[in-house]
Amino acid sequence: MPLNLRSTNRSICTVALDRTFDTISEARIPFDFSSNFAQIVGSCNGLLCIADYGNVRDIYLWNPSIRKFKKLPHPCLSKPSFALLGFAYHSQNNDYKVVRISSSLLSLHEIEVYTLSLDSWGRVGFNLKPDLKFFDKDHFLPTPLVSGDLHWIAVMREGEENHKNKNMIMLIVRKLALPHVSVDANNLNRCLASFKGKLAFITSEHSEQLGFRHSIWVMREYGVVESWTKLFVVPFPQQIDCIAFTEYGSLLTFCFIHSSPLDMQKYELLLIDAKTLQQRKDPDIQYLSSIAAFMESLVLLDGANMVSY
């Protein structure tokens, strides 16, 4: 089931049917955020990692099924100018981890990892290269966790002599190449996601002749670069942004609309079947949202600083 996080005066969680996004239940999040906007960092085994979008030092683990949560201790590093978060389950140790990649104007990229069993942060023993540039992920989509690894898009300069940039997926300890796609002014957006349990790469391109075309690539065999396959191309008359991918292969998207020059900018939510391109307008989600897959569980029963409500 998809879980939808929206922010109003206080953030609200909505559990919805996977195929149609019809609402099953709603619950208010039992903690507040200074920015009044929360983001889902990730979801594993019924345990949600939620962070304040305006202050990535305020991070919570929450299991709404058993009505318990805990606020994580602040990371070791000071508040950065740029930070990426990911949430993962480590099956070998039966443990949960939060990864934070951060940088400031005066430092290189640094990596910290929070481990639930230790209830503490630790710095990874290496810094990322200064010529590595991370793309800030779409905040609607959680950082994809596929085959036990978290994934971000990064660009690394191949050499000062030719000034070429190489697009890649950056994991904590290794790199994967992206499919070969043109990267120019017409390529408006790129992001990573989990699509039916596989690593997906989504691009958005525009031309006057064809309009907007949104391509979905999937790595059929994880770790094998040659297995990248373009599964679908979704044509659309205007730019759309992906909010979520369903188990059944549909895309929940939104696009901005103008009803008249004097009206404020509005948006429309669409559920698009990637195979048939059939659209369902106004699914039962009425707010721009952060969405993740969710399953009920009893995880996070005990531990330090646990709060019941």
C-alpha atoms as a PDB file:
ATOM      1  CA  MET A   1       0.000   0.000   0.000  1.00  0.00           C
ATOM      2  CA  PRO A   2       1.307   3.488  -0.705  1.00  0.00           C
ATOM      3  CA  LEU A   3       1.601   5.861   2.215  1.00  0.00           C
ATOM      4  CA  ASN A   4       1.078   9.533   1.415  1.00  0.00           C
ATOM      5  CA  LEU A   5       2.571  12.310   3.535  1.00  0.00           C
ATOM      6  CA  ARG A   6       1.147  15.774   3.091  1.00  0.00           C
ATOM      7  CA  SER A   7       1.812  18.987   4.979  1.00  0.00           C
ATOM      8  CA  THR A   8      -0.867  21.407   6.098  1.00  0.00           C
ATOM      9  CA  ASN A   9      -0.949  22.968   9.573  1.00  0.00           C
ATOM     10  CA  ARG A  10       0.316  19.617  10.768  1.00  0.00           C
ATOM     11  CA  SER A  11       1.510  16.796   8.556  1.00  0.00           C
ATOM     12  CA  ILE A  12      -0.996  14.045   7.826  1.00  0.00           C
ATOM     13  CA  CYS A  13      -0.318  10.471   6.745  1.00  0.00           C
ATOM     14  CA  THR A  14      -2.759   8.779   4.377  1.00  0.00           C
ATOM     15  CA  VAL A  15      -2.753   5.045   3.635  1.00  0.00           C
ATOM     16  CA  ALA A  16      -4.136   4.366   0.151  1.00  0.00           C
ATOM     17  CA  LEU A  17      -4.910   1.429  -2.122  1.00  0.00           C
ATOM     18  CA  ASP A  18      -1.977   0.681  -4.392  1.00  0.00           C
ATOM     19  CA  ARG A  19      -3.911   0.285  -7.633  1.00  0.00           C
ATOM     20  CA  THR A  20      -6.228   3.298  -7.383  1.00  0.00           C
ATOM     21  CA  PHE A  21      -4.825   5.516  -4.608  1.00  0.00           C
ATOM     22  CA  ASP A  22      -8.248   5.547  -2.926  1.00  0.00           C
ATOM     23  CA  THR A  23      -7.881   6.508   0.732  1.00  0.00           C
ATOM     24  CA  ILE A  24      -8.064   3.719   3.338  1.00  0.00           C
ATOM     25  CA  SER A  25      -7.223   5.675   6.490  1.00  0.00           C
ATOM     26  CA  GLU A  26      -5.594   8.873   7.734  1.00  0.00           C
ATOM     27  CA  ALA A  27      -3.509   9.751  10.791  1.00  0.00           C
ATOM     28  CA  ARG A  28      -1.787  12.886  11.990  1.00  0.00           C
ATOM     29  CA  ILE A  29       1.959  12.618  12.465  1.00  0.00           C
ATOM     30  CA  PRO A  30       2.626  12.793  16.231  1.00  0.00           C
ATOM     31  CA  PHE A  31       5.570  15.201  15.991  1.00  0.00           C
ATOM     32  CA  ASP A  32       6.062  18.677  14.569  1.00  0.00           C
ATOM     33  CA  PHE A  33       8.486  20.194  12.070  1.00  0.00           C
ATOM     34  CA  SER A  34       9.811  23.741  12.155  1.00  0.00           C
ATOM     35  CA  SER A  35       9.330  24.171   8.401  1.00  0.00           C
ATOM     36  CA  ASN A  36       5.779  22.690   8.424  1.00  0.00           C
ATOM     37  CA  PHE A  37       6.881  20.432   5.581  1.00  0.00           C
ATOM     38  CA  ALA A  38       7.936  16.833   6.116  1.00  0.00           C
ATOM     39  CA  GLN A  39       9.562  14.450   3.662  1.00  0.00           C
ATOM     40  CA  ILE A  40       9.603  10.663   3.674  1.00  0.00           C
ATOM     41  CA  VAL A  41      13.251   9.645   3.568  1.00  0.00           C
ATOM     42  CA  GLY A  42      12.364   5.992   3.147  1.00  0.00           C
ATOM     43  CA  SER A  43      10.172   3.077   4.214  1.00  0.00           C
ATOM     44  CA  CYS A  44      11.393  -0.380   5.264  1.00  0.00           C
ATOM     45  CA  ASN A  45       9.325  -3.192   6.794  1.00  0.00           C
ATOM     46  CA  GLY A  46       6.642  -0.850   8.110  1.00  0.00           C
ATOM     47  CA  LEU A  47       9.158   1.540   9.649  1.00  0.00           C
ATOM     48  CA  LEU A  48       9.182   5.074   8.231  1.00  0.00           C
ATOM     49  CA  CYS A  49      12.039   7.553   8.280  1.00  0.00           C
ATOM     50  CA  ILE A  50      10.727  11.124   8.151  1.00  0.00           C
ATOM     51  CA  ALA A  51      12.752  14.343   8.149  1.00  0.00           C
ATOM     52  CA  ASP A  52      12.058  18.054   8.315  1.00  0.00           C
ATOM     53  CA  TYR A  53      12.447  19.316   4.747  1.00  0.00           C
ATOM     54  CA  GLY A  54      13.819  22.646   5.992  1.00  0.00           C
ATOM     55  CA  ASN A  55      16.136  21.180   8.631  1.00  0.00           C
ATOM     56  CA  VAL A  56      17.657  17.809   7.752  1.00  0.00           C
ATOM     57  CA  ARG A  57      19.041  17.452  11.295  1.00  0.00           C
ATOM     58  CA  ASP A  58      15.536  16.706  12.626  1.00  0.00           C
ATOM     59  CA  ILE A  59      14.925  13.065  11.682  1.00  0.00           C
ATOM     60  CA  TYR A  60      12.414  10.583  13.105  1.00  0.00           C
ATOM     61  CA  LEU A  61      11.751   6.855  12.894  1.00  0.00           C
ATOM     62  CA  TRP A  62       8.046   6.077  13.169  1.00  0.00           C
ATOM     63  CA  ASN A  63       5.856   2.999  13.091  1.00  0.00           C
ATOM     64  CA  PRO A  64       2.246   4.165  12.787  1.00  0.00           C
ATOM     65  CA  SER A  65       0.964   0.579  13.138  1.00  0.00           C
ATOM     66  CA  ILE A  66       2.033   0.379  16.795  1.00  0.00           C
ATOM     67  CA  ARG A  67       1.895   4.157  17.462  1.00  0.00           C
ATOM     68  CA  LYS A  68       5.533   4.548  18.449  1.00  0.00           C
ATOM     69  CA  PHE A  69       8.332   6.846  17.265  1.00  0.00           C
ATOM     70  CA  LYS A  70      11.729   8.147  18.232  1.00  0.00           C
ATOM     71  CA  LYS A  71      13.656  11.282  17.331  1.00  0.00           C
ATOM     72  CA  LEU A  72      17.205  10.508  16.223  1.00  0.00           C
ATOM     73  CA  PRO A  73      20.139  12.277  17.862  1.00  0.00           C
ATOM     74  CA  HIS A  74      21.441  15.097  15.707  1.00  0.00           C
ATOM     75  CA  PRO A  75      24.175  14.113  13.226  1.00  0.00           C
ATOM     76  CA  CYS A  76      27.773  14.804  14.206  1.00  0.00           C
ATOM     77  CA  LEU A  77      28.428  17.376  11.495  1.00  0.00           C
ATOM     78  CA  SER A  78      27.101  20.906  11.709  1.00  0.00           C
ATOM     79  CA  LYS A  79      24.156  22.032   9.606  1.00  0.00           C
ATOM     80  CA  PRO A  80      25.361  21.764   5.997  1.00  0.00           C
ATOM     81  CA  SER A  81      24.507  23.887   2.982  1.00  0.00           C
ATOM     82  CA  PHE A  82      23.566  20.704   1.105  1.00  0.00           C
ATOM     83  CA  ALA A  83      22.450  17.302   2.390  1.00  0.00           C
ATOM     84  CA  LEU A  84      20.958  14.084   1.025  1.00  0.00           C
ATOM     85  CA  LEU A  85      19.267  11.445   3.173  1.00  0.00           C
ATOM     86  CA  GLY A  86      18.554   7.764   2.651  1.00  0.00           C
ATOM     87  CA  PHE A  87      17.003   5.023   4.783  1.00  0.00           C
ATOM     88  CA  ALA A  88      17.957   1.344   4.535  1.00  0.00           C
ATOM     89  CA  TYR A  89      17.468  -2.031   6.160  1.00  0.00           C
ATOM     90  CA  HIS A  90      20.597  -4.156   6.659  1.00  0.00           C
ATOM     91  CA  SER A  91      19.327  -7.725   6.458  1.00  0.00           C
ATOM     92  CA  GLN A  92      22.578  -9.412   7.555  1.00  0.00           C
ATOM     93  CA  ASN A  93      22.516  -7.586  10.897  1.00  0.00           C
ATOM     94  CA  ASN A  94      18.739  -7.125  11.102  1.00  0.00           C
ATOM     95  CA  ASP A  95      19.377  -3.424  11.614  1.00  0.00           C
ATOM     96  CA  TYR A  96      18.206  -0.095  10.197  1.00  0.00           C
ATOM     97  CA  LYS A  97      20.431   2.728   9.018  1.00  0.00           C
ATOM     98  CA  VAL A  98      20.031   6.362   7.957  1.00  0.00           C
ATOM     99  CA  VAL A  99      22.674   7.699   5.548  1.00  0.00           C
ATOM    100  CA  ARG A 100      23.426  11.419   5.325  1.00  0.00           C
ATOM    101  CA  ILE A 101      25.650  12.880   2.592  1.00  0.00           C
ATOM    102  CA  SER A 102      26.433  16.510   3.314  1.00  0.00           C
ATOM    103  CA  SER A 103      28.668  19.334   2.222  1.00  0.00           C
ATOM    104  CA  SER A 104      29.252  22.985   3.003  1.00  0.00           C
ATOM    105  CA  LEU A 105      31.060  25.800   1.247  1.00  0.00           C
ATOM    106  CA  LEU A 106      34.268  24.969   3.106  1.00  0.00           C
ATOM    107  CA  SER A 107      34.228  21.156   3.061  1.00  0.00           C
ATOM    108  CA  LEU A 108      34.091  18.161   0.773  1.00  0.00           C
ATOM    109  CA  HIS A 109      31.168  15.781   0.664  1.00  0.00           C
ATOM    110  CA  GLU A 110      31.096  13.789   3.900  1.00  0.00           C
ATOM    111  CA  ILE A 111      29.092  10.712   4.818  1.00  0.00           C
ATOM    112  CA  GLU A 112      27.500   9.896   8.177  1.00  0.00           C
ATOM    113  CA  VAL A 113      25.536   6.767   9.036  1.00  0.00           C
ATOM    114  CA  TYR A 114      23.067   6.377  11.895  1.00  0.00           C
ATOM    115  CA  THR A 115      22.637   2.802  13.183  1.00  0.00           C
ATOM    116  CA  LEU A 116      19.441   2.018  15.083  1.00  0.00           C
ATOM    117  CA  SER A 117      20.926  -0.745  17.278  1.00  0.00           C
ATOM    118  CA  LEU A 118      23.667   1.654  18.448  1.00  0.00           C
ATOM    119  CA  ASP A 119      21.397   4.717  18.490  1.00  0.00           C
ATOM    120  CA  SER A 120      24.299   6.839  17.266  1.00  0.00           C
ATOM    121  CA  TRP A 121      25.902   8.393  14.191  1.00  0.00           C
ATOM    122  CA  GLY A 122      29.300   7.494  12.810  1.00  0.00           C
ATOM    123  CA  ARG A 123      31.331   9.025  10.011  1.00  0.00           C
ATOM    124  CA  VAL A 124      32.273   6.849   7.067  1.00  0.00           C
ATOM    125  CA  GLY A 125      36.053   6.717   6.769  1.00  0.00           C
ATOM    126  CA  PHE A 126      36.429   8.485   3.441  1.00  0.00           C
ATOM    127  CA  ASN A 127      35.408  11.731   1.782  1.00  0.00           C
ATOM    128  CA  LEU A 128      33.970  11.935  -1.700  1.00  0.00           C
ATOM    129  CA  LYS A 129      35.976  13.664  -4.418  1.00  0.00           C
ATOM    130  CA  PRO A 130      35.572  17.451  -4.698  1.00  0.00           C
ATOM    131  CA  ASP A 131      34.819  17.235  -8.442  1.00  0.00           C
ATOM    132  CA  LEU A 132      31.792  15.051  -7.733  1.00  0.00           C
ATOM    133  CA  LYS A 133      28.453  16.843  -8.009  1.00  0.00           C
ATOM    134  CA  PHE A 134      25.284  15.323  -6.592  1.00  0.00           C
ATOM    135  CA  PHE A 135      21.903  16.095  -8.092  1.00  0.00           C
ATOM    136  CA  ASP A 136      19.369  16.937  -5.424  1.00  0.00           C
ATOM    137  CA  LYS A 137      16.762  14.202  -5.751  1.00  0.00           C
ATOM    138  CA  ASP A 138      13.101  14.907  -6.315  1.00  0.00           C
ATOM    139  CA  HIS A 139      11.854  15.422  -2.754  1.00  0.00           C
ATOM    140  CA  PHE A 140       8.588  13.639  -3.587  1.00  0.00           C
ATOM    141  CA  LEU A 141      10.444  10.379  -4.287  1.00  0.00           C
ATOM    142  CA  PRO A 142      12.312   8.625  -1.447  1.00  0.00           C
ATOM    143  CA  THR A 143      15.921   7.706  -2.154  1.00  0.00           C
ATOM    144  CA  PRO A 144      15.576   4.319  -3.919  1.00  0.00           C
ATOM    145  CA  LEU A 145      16.688   1.287  -1.941  1.00  0.00           C
ATOM    146  CA  VAL A 146      17.349  -1.568  -4.391  1.00  0.00           C
ATOM    147  CA  SER A 147      19.254  -4.798  -3.669  1.00  0.00           C
ATOM    148  CA  GLY A 148      20.221  -3.439  -0.244  1.00  0.00           C
ATOM    149  CA  ASP A 149      21.883  -0.282  -1.600  1.00  0.00           C
ATOM    150  CA  LEU A 150      20.828   3.366  -1.651  1.00  0.00           C
ATOM    151  CA  HIS A 151      21.251   5.267  -4.913  1.00  0.00           C
ATOM    152  CA  TRP A 152      21.835   8.903  -5.894  1.00  0.00           C
ATOM    153  CA  ILE A 153      22.669  10.557  -9.231  1.00  0.00           C
ATOM    154  CA  ALA A 154      26.070  12.225  -9.417  1.00  0.00           C
ATOM    155  CA  VAL A 155      28.248  13.778 -12.110  1.00  0.00           C
ATOM    156  CA  MET A 156      32.029  13.455 -12.068  1.00  0.00           C
ATOM    157  CA  ARG A 157      34.407  15.347 -14.324  1.00  0.00           C
ATOM    158  CA  GLU A 158      36.348  12.732 -16.289  1.00  0.00           C
ATOM    159  CA  GLY A 159      39.404  14.885 -16.837  1.00  0.00           C
ATOM    160  CA  GLU A 160      40.414  18.502 -16.881  1.00  0.00           C
ATOM    161  CA  GLU A 161      41.933  18.045 -20.309  1.00  0.00           C
ATOM    162  CA  ASN A 162      38.646  17.282 -22.056  1.00  0.00           C
ATOM    163  CA  HIS A 163      36.162  18.828 -19.626  1.00  0.00           C
ATOM    164  CA  LYS A 164      33.685  16.036 -20.139  1.00  0.00           C
ATOM    165  CA  ASN A 165      31.176  15.068 -17.495  1.00  0.00           C
ATOM    166  CA  LYS A 166      30.216  11.492 -16.748  1.00  0.00           C
ATOM    167  CA  ASN A 167      26.784  10.733 -15.343  1.00  0.00           C
ATOM    168  CA  MET A 168      26.588   7.897 -12.857  1.00  0.00           C
ATOM    169  CA  ILE A 169      24.683   6.424  -9.968  1.00  0.00           C
ATOM    170  CA  MET A 170      26.580   6.865  -6.724  1.00  0.00           C
ATOM    171  CA  LEU A 171      26.331   4.240  -4.004  1.00  0.00           C
ATOM    172  CA  ILE A 172      28.194   4.490  -0.730  1.00  0.00           C
ATOM    173  CA  VAL A 173      31.078   2.286  -1.867  1.00  0.00           C
ATOM    174  CA  ARG A 174      30.772   1.861  -5.614  1.00  0.00           C
ATOM    175  CA  LYS A 175      29.466   3.376  -8.848  1.00  0.00           C
ATOM    176  CA  LEU A 176      26.998   2.294 -11.511  1.00  0.00           C
ATOM    177  CA  ALA A 177      26.720   3.862 -14.952  1.00  0.00           C
ATOM    178  CA  LEU A 178      23.438   5.330 -16.126  1.00  0.00           C
ATOM    179  CA  PRO A 179      21.969   4.439 -19.527  1.00  0.00           C
ATOM    180  CA  HIS A 180      23.318   6.535 -22.367  1.00  0.00           C
ATOM    181  CA  VAL A 181      20.936   9.433 -22.885  1.00  0.00           C
ATOM    182  CA  SER A 182      21.546  12.901 -24.270  1.00  0.00           C
ATOM    183  CA  VAL A 183      22.143  15.519 -21.606  1.00  0.00           C
ATOM    184  CA  ASP A 184      21.405  18.996 -22.921  1.00  0.00           C
ATOM    185  CA  ALA A 185      19.056  21.908 -22.431  1.00  0.00           C
ATOM    186  CA  ASN A 186      16.117  19.831 -23.664  1.00  0.00           C
ATOM    187  CA  ASN A 187      16.629  17.214 -20.963  1.00  0.00           C
ATOM    188  CA  LEU A 188      14.677  18.924 -18.219  1.00  0.00           C
ATOM    189  CA  ASN A 189      14.667  16.418 -15.423  1.00  0.00           C
ATOM    190  CA  ARG A 190      16.326  13.220 -14.278  1.00  0.00           C
ATOM    191  CA  CYS A 191      15.671  11.128 -11.212  1.00  0.00           C
ATOM    192  CA  LEU A 192      16.060   7.639  -9.774  1.00  0.00           C
ATOM    193  CA  ALA A 193      13.296   5.497  -8.318  1.00  0.00           C
ATOM    194  CA  SER A 194      12.337   1.958  -7.459  1.00  0.00           C
ATOM    195  CA  PHE A 195       9.993   0.534 -10.102  1.00  0.00           C
ATOM    196  CA  LYS A 196       8.516  -2.883  -9.265  1.00  0.00           C
ATOM    197  CA  GLY A 197      11.536  -3.607  -7.082  1.00  0.00           C
ATOM    198  CA  LYS A 198      14.093  -2.706  -9.762  1.00  0.00           C
ATOM    199  CA  LEU A 199      16.262   0.368 -10.133  1.00  0.00           C
ATOM    200  CA  ALA A 200      14.625   2.876 -12.479  1.00  0.00           C
ATOM    201  CA  PHE A 201      15.921   5.992 -14.199  1.00  0.00           C
ATOM    202  CA  ILE A 202      13.377   8.568 -15.372  1.00  0.00           C
ATOM    203  CA  THR A 203      14.118  11.322 -17.867  1.00  0.00           C
ATOM    204  CA  SER A 204      11.976  14.166 -19.140  1.00  0.00           C
ATOM    205  CA  GLU A 205      12.704  15.722 -22.533  1.00  0.00           C
ATOM    206  CA  HIS A 206      10.992  18.386 -24.603  1.00  0.00           C
ATOM    207  CA  SER A 207      10.849  19.322 -28.263  1.00  0.00           C
ATOM    208  CA  GLU A 208       8.522  21.585 -30.236  1.00  0.00           C
ATOM    209  CA  GLN A 209       7.548  18.732 -32.538  1.00  0.00           C
ATOM    210  CA  LEU A 210       6.910  16.007 -29.950  1.00  0.00           C
ATOM    211  CA  GLY A 211       6.103  17.977 -26.792  1.00  0.00           C
ATOM    212  CA  PHE A 212       7.167  16.424 -23.501  1.00  0.00           C
ATOM    213  CA  ARG A 213       8.319  12.806 -23.437  1.00  0.00           C
ATOM    214  CA  HIS A 214       8.961  11.002 -20.165  1.00  0.00           C
ATOM    215  CA  SER A 215      11.100   7.880 -20.503  1.00  0.00           C
ATOM    216  CA  ILE A 216      11.325   5.128 -17.894  1.00  0.00           C
ATOM    217  CA  TRP A 217      14.476   3.006 -17.942  1.00  0.00           C
ATOM    218  CA  VAL A 218      14.848  -0.093 -15.751  1.00  0.00           C
ATOM    219  CA  MET A 219      17.977  -2.045 -14.843  1.00  0.00           C
ATOM    220  CA  ARG A 220      16.657  -5.560 -15.458  1.00  0.00           C
ATOM    221  CA  GLU A 221      19.679  -7.267 -13.881  1.00  0.00           C
ATOM    222  CA  TYR A 222      20.990  -5.278 -10.942  1.00  0.00           C
ATOM    223  CA  GLY A 223      24.593  -4.177 -11.325  1.00  0.00           C
ATOM    224  CA  VAL A 224      24.740  -5.040 -15.041  1.00  0.00           C
ATOM    225  CA  VAL A 225      24.977  -1.756 -16.932  1.00  0.00           C
ATOM    226  CA  GLU A 226      24.132  -3.431 -20.233  1.00  0.00           C
ATOM    227  CA  SER A 227      20.751  -4.500 -18.839  1.00  0.00           C
ATOM    228  CA  TRP A 228      19.367  -0.942 -18.792  1.00  0.00           C
ATOM    229  CA  THR A 229      16.160  -1.095 -20.858  1.00  0.00           C
ATOM    230  CA  LYS A 230      13.771   1.657 -21.850  1.00  0.00           C
ATOM    231  CA  LEU A 231      10.393   0.217 -20.874  1.00  0.00           C
ATOM    232  CA  PHE A 232       7.995   3.064 -21.528  1.00  0.00           C
ATOM    233  CA  VAL A 233       7.774   6.481 -23.100  1.00  0.00           C
ATOM    234  CA  VAL A 234       4.918   8.571 -21.752  1.00  0.00           C
ATOM    235  CA  PRO A 235       4.047  11.497 -24.055  1.00  0.00           C
ATOM    236  CA  PHE A 236       2.325  14.480 -22.485  1.00  0.00           C
ATOM    237  CA  PRO A 237       1.448  17.985 -23.700  1.00  0.00           C
ATOM    238  CA  GLN A 238       3.171  19.632 -20.731  1.00  0.00           C
ATOM    239  CA  GLN A 239       5.790  18.994 -18.089  1.00  0.00           C
ATOM    240  CA  ILE A 240       4.802  16.523 -15.359  1.00  0.00           C
ATOM    241  CA  ASP A 241       6.663  15.361 -12.262  1.00  0.00           C
ATOM    242  CA  CYS A 242       6.611  11.844 -10.876  1.00  0.00           C
ATOM    243  CA  ILE A 243       5.381  11.524  -7.297  1.00  0.00           C
ATOM    244  CA  ALA A 244       5.124   7.749  -6.952  1.00  0.00           C
ATOM    245  CA  PHE A 245       5.246   4.397  -8.757  1.00  0.00           C
ATOM    246  CA  THR A 246       2.717   1.717  -7.957  1.00  0.00           C
ATOM    247  CA  GLU A 247       3.251  -2.022  -7.710  1.00  0.00           C
ATOM    248  CA  TYR A 248       1.067  -2.368 -10.801  1.00  0.00           C
ATOM    249  CA  GLY A 249       3.181  -0.069 -12.977  1.00  0.00           C
ATOM    250  CA  SER A 250       1.164   3.149 -12.807  1.00  0.00           C
ATOM    251  CA  LEU A 251       2.697   6.571 -12.272  1.00  0.00           C
ATOM    252  CA  LEU A 252       1.235   9.167  -9.946  1.00  0.00           C
ATOM    253  CA  THR A 253       2.165  12.557 -11.381  1.00  0.00           C
ATOM    254  CA  PHE A 254       1.328  16.201 -11.023  1.00  0.00           C
ATOM    255  CA  CYS A 255       1.469  19.125 -13.403  1.00  0.00           C
ATOM    256  CA  PHE A 256       0.916  22.845 -12.961  1.00  0.00           C
ATOM    257  CA  ILE A 257      -2.028  24.418 -14.753  1.00  0.00           C
ATOM    258  CA  HIS A 258      -3.287  27.948 -15.367  1.00  0.00           C
ATOM    259  CA  SER A 259      -7.015  28.530 -15.796  1.00  0.00           C
ATOM    260  CA  SER A 260      -6.510  32.207 -16.608  1.00  0.00           C
ATOM    261  CA  PRO A 261      -3.646  34.737 -16.596  1.00  0.00           C
ATOM    262  CA  LEU A 262      -4.987  36.271 -13.387  1.00  0.00           C
ATOM    263  CA  ASP A 263      -5.266  33.005 -11.461  1.00  0.00           C
ATOM    264  CA  MET A 264      -2.571  31.738  -9.164  1.00  0.00           C
ATOM    265  CA  GLN A 265      -0.682  28.691 -10.326  1.00  0.00           C
ATOM    266  CA  LYS A 266      -2.617  25.487  -9.644  1.00  0.00           C
ATOM    267  CA  TYR A 267      -1.784  21.835 -10.081  1.00  0.00           C
ATOM    268  CA  GLU A 268      -3.515  18.679 -11.234  1.00  0.00           C
ATOM    269  CA  LEU A 269      -2.843  15.130 -10.061  1.00  0.00           C
ATOM    270  CA  LEU A 270      -2.933  12.284 -12.590  1.00  0.00           C
ATOM    271  CA  LEU A 271      -2.587   8.517 -12.275  1.00  0.00           C
ATOM    272  CA  ILE A 272      -1.150   7.229 -15.576  1.00  0.00           C
ATOM    273  CA  ASP A 273      -0.937   3.600 -16.646  1.00  0.00           C
ATOM    274  CA  ALA A 274       2.557   3.394 -18.195  1.00  0.00           C
ATOM    275  CA  LYS A 275       1.521   0.629 -20.630  1.00  0.00           C
ATOM    276  CA  THR A 276      -1.868   1.823 -21.864  1.00  0.00           C
ATOM    277  CA  LEU A 277      -1.302   5.545 -21.126  1.00  0.00           C
ATOM    278  CA  GLN A 278      -4.800   5.706 -19.686  1.00  0.00           C
ATOM    279  CA  GLN A 279      -5.198   8.546 -17.210  1.00  0.00           C
ATOM    280  CA  ARG A 280      -7.246   8.943 -14.070  1.00  0.00           C
ATOM    281  CA  LYS A 281      -7.628  12.536 -12.937  1.00  0.00           C
ATOM    282  CA  ASP A 282      -7.949  13.573  -9.308  1.00  0.00           C
ATOM    283  CA  PRO A 283      -7.081  10.342  -7.494  1.00  0.00           C
ATOM    284  CA  ASP A 284      -8.010  10.409  -3.810  1.00  0.00           C
ATOM    285  CA  ILE A 285      -4.945  12.510  -2.919  1.00  0.00           C
ATOM    286  CA  GLN A 286      -5.557  16.229  -2.843  1.00  0.00           C
ATOM    287  CA  TYR A 287      -2.167  17.633  -1.883  1.00  0.00           C
ATOM    288  CA  LEU A 288       1.341  17.587  -3.279  1.00  0.00           C
ATOM    289  CA  SER A 289       2.837  14.791  -1.279  1.00  0.00           C
ATOM    290  CA  SER A 290       5.792  12.654  -0.361  1.00  0.00           C
ATOM    291  CA  ILE A 291       4.833   9.009  -0.965  1.00  0.00           C
ATOM    292  CA  ALA A 292       6.384   5.631  -0.160  1.00  0.00           C
ATOM    293  CA  ALA A 293       5.358   1.970  -0.133  1.00  0.00           C
ATOM    294  CA  PHE A 294       4.113   0.824   3.277  1.00  0.00           C
ATOM    295  CA  MET A 295       3.349  -2.438   5.058  1.00  0.00           C
ATOM    296  CA  GLU A 296       2.164  -2.976   8.625  1.00  0.00           C
ATOM    297  CA  SER A 297       4.661  -4.450  11.084  1.00  0.00           C
ATOM    298  CA  LEU A 298       5.711  -4.566  14.749  1.00  0.00           C
ATOM    299  CA  VAL A 299       9.199  -3.143  14.159  1.00  0.00           C
ATOM    300  CA  LEU A 300      10.505  -0.607  16.709  1.00  0.00           C
ATOM    301  CA  LEU A 301       8.897  -2.146  19.781  1.00  0.00           C
ATOM    302  CA  ASP A 302      11.715  -1.387  22.225  1.00  0.00           C
ATOM    303  CA  GLY A 303      14.761   0.828  22.534  1.00  0.00           C
ATOM    304  CA  ALA A 304      16.009   4.077  23.998  1.00  0.00           C
ATOM    305  CA  ASN A 305      14.049   7.329  23.655  1.00  0.00           C
ATOM    306  CA  MET A 306      10.979   5.547  22.304  1.00  0.00           C
ATOM    307  CA  VAL A 307       7.735   7.515  22.536  1.00  0.00           C
ATOM    308  CA  SER A 308       4.248   5.980  22.585  1.00  0.00           C
ATOM    309  CA  TYR A 309       1.173   8.055  21.848  1.00  0.00           C
END
